[in-house]
Amino acid sequence: MSDRRTESAPPGGIDYIAVEESPRFGELKRRQRSFIFPFALAFLVWYFAYVLLSSFAVDFMSQRVWGDITVGLIFGLGQFVTTFGITMLYVWFANRKLDPIAEEIREELEKREAAGA
């Protein structure tokens, strides 16, 4: 059994394993993870704090803030706001930091494919 990394690309094809192992693709993955992991961790902490507070701090979560609006309701709606906020931030981040690198990689692959055809 041979190691896939030592094999050459198929005739007229692109060695996608080599592309995946390239420094530019590694940079793309590193940048994506630098956004995803911290925000995912922060959101999970925020989510579990909300769940734990609603289960074990009922008096705090049922405090009225204004009329029938409670702390728990504000925190619950804050989950939706946070989700949309993180999504908007990710789109902004991807457009500015990820898409240019992905575009470079795609253009290079298209050039290779055209040259091999």
Protein backbone atom coordinates (compact mmCIF):
# COMPACT_ATOMS: atom_id res chain seq x y z
CA MET A 1 0.00 0.00 0.00
CA SER A 2 1.52 3.34 -1.03
CA ASP A 3 1.25 6.67 0.74
CA ARG A 4 -1.16 8.98 -1.12
CA ARG A 5 1.13 11.98 -0.59
CA THR A 6 3.94 10.35 -2.58
CA GLU A 7 1.75 9.63 -5.60
CA SER A 8 1.58 12.15 -8.42
CA ALA A 9 -1.60 13.82 -9.60
CA PRO A 10 -3.71 11.84 -12.02
CA PRO A 11 -2.83 12.51 -15.68
CA GLY A 12 -4.22 15.94 -16.60
CA GLY A 13 -5.61 16.32 -13.09
CA ILE A 14 -4.85 18.25 -9.96
CA ASP A 15 -3.33 16.74 -6.85
CA TYR A 16 -5.86 18.04 -4.33
CA ILE A 17 -4.02 16.42 -1.44
CA ALA A 18 -0.98 18.55 -2.27
CA VAL A 19 -3.21 21.63 -2.51
CA GLU A 20 -4.69 20.85 0.91
CA GLU A 21 -1.20 20.48 2.36
CA SER A 22 0.06 23.71 0.77
CA PRO A 23 1.04 26.66 2.99
CA ARG A 24 -1.63 28.92 1.42
CA PHE A 25 -4.44 26.45 2.16
CA GLY A 26 -3.03 25.98 5.67
CA GLU A 27 -3.18 29.76 6.15
CA LEU A 28 -6.82 29.74 5.02
CA LYS A 29 -7.70 27.03 7.55
CA ARG A 30 -5.75 28.80 10.32
CA ARG A 31 -7.57 32.08 9.71
CA GLN A 32 -10.96 30.39 9.66
CA ARG A 33 -10.25 28.53 12.89
CA SER A 34 -8.95 31.72 14.53
CA PHE A 35 -12.46 33.10 14.19
CA ILE A 36 -14.58 30.00 14.69
CA PHE A 37 -13.06 28.50 17.82
CA PRO A 38 -13.07 31.62 20.06
CA PHE A 39 -16.58 32.65 19.00
CA ALA A 40 -17.95 29.11 19.33
CA LEU A 41 -16.45 28.83 22.81
CA ALA A 42 -17.78 32.24 23.86
CA PHE A 43 -21.25 31.43 22.55
CA LEU A 44 -21.33 28.03 24.28
CA VAL A 45 -20.32 29.63 27.59
CA TRP A 46 -23.04 32.28 27.12
CA TYR A 47 -25.62 29.62 26.19
CA PHE A 48 -24.82 27.31 29.11
CA ALA A 49 -24.77 30.27 31.51
CA TYR A 50 -28.30 31.08 30.33
CA VAL A 51 -29.46 27.48 30.76
CA LEU A 52 -27.87 27.15 34.21
CA LEU A 53 -29.21 30.50 35.38
CA SER A 54 -32.71 29.62 34.22
CA SER A 55 -32.49 26.32 36.09
CA PHE A 56 -30.72 27.33 39.30
CA ALA A 57 -31.22 31.09 39.64
CA VAL A 58 -34.96 31.23 39.12
CA ASP A 59 -35.41 34.25 41.41
CA PHE A 60 -32.81 36.23 39.49
CA MET A 61 -34.16 35.24 36.06
CA SER A 62 -37.75 36.04 37.07
CA GLN A 63 -36.96 39.58 38.23
CA ARG A 64 -39.07 42.07 36.35
CA VAL A 65 -37.12 44.71 34.48
CA TRP A 66 -39.98 46.60 32.87
CA GLY A 67 -43.64 45.52 32.97
CA ASP A 68 -43.78 41.82 32.20
CA ILE A 69 -40.25 41.79 30.78
CA THR A 70 -37.95 39.67 32.97
CA VAL A 71 -34.20 39.16 33.11
CA GLY A 72 -34.75 35.64 31.74
CA LEU A 73 -36.67 36.95 28.75
CA ILE A 74 -33.95 39.49 27.99
CA PHE A 75 -31.26 36.80 28.26
CA GLY A 76 -33.32 34.45 26.07
CA LEU A 77 -33.82 37.05 23.37
CA GLY A 78 -30.14 37.90 23.75
CA GLN A 79 -29.37 34.37 22.51
CA PHE A 80 -31.01 35.23 19.18
CA VAL A 81 -29.28 38.60 19.00
CA THR A 82 -25.93 36.95 19.72
CA THR A 83 -26.51 34.32 17.04
CA PHE A 84 -27.31 36.92 14.40
CA GLY A 85 -24.43 39.12 15.55
CA ILE A 86 -21.89 36.30 15.29
CA THR A 87 -23.26 35.38 11.87
CA MET A 88 -22.91 38.95 10.64
CA LEU A 89 -19.38 39.17 12.06
CA TYR A 90 -18.41 35.90 10.37
CA VAL A 91 -19.73 37.08 7.00
CA TRP A 92 -17.75 40.31 7.38
CA PHE A 93 -14.64 38.35 8.45
CA ALA A 94 -14.97 35.81 5.64
CA ASN A 95 -15.45 38.48 2.99
CA ARG A 96 -12.32 40.33 4.07
CA LYS A 97 -9.96 37.65 5.38
CA LEU A 98 -10.97 34.28 3.92
CA ASP A 99 -12.45 34.94 0.50
CA PRO A 100 -9.36 36.64 -0.97
CA ILE A 101 -7.19 33.60 -0.11
CA ALA A 102 -9.85 31.16 -1.30
CA GLU A 103 -10.12 33.12 -4.55
CA GLU A 104 -6.35 32.92 -5.07
CA ILE A 105 -6.40 29.15 -4.51
CA ARG A 106 -9.39 28.71 -6.84
CA GLU A 107 -7.80 30.79 -9.60
CA GLU A 108 -4.56 28.82 -9.32
CA LEU A 109 -6.47 25.54 -9.56
CA GLU A 110 -8.44 26.79 -12.57
CA LYS A 111 -5.16 27.77 -14.30
CA ARG A 112 -3.70 24.32 -13.60
CA GLU A 113 -6.85 22.63 -14.86
CA ALA A 114 -6.88 24.74 -18.04
CA ALA A 115 -3.20 23.99 -18.64
CA GLY A 116 -3.80 20.26 -18.19
CA ALA A 117 -6.83 20.12 -20.48
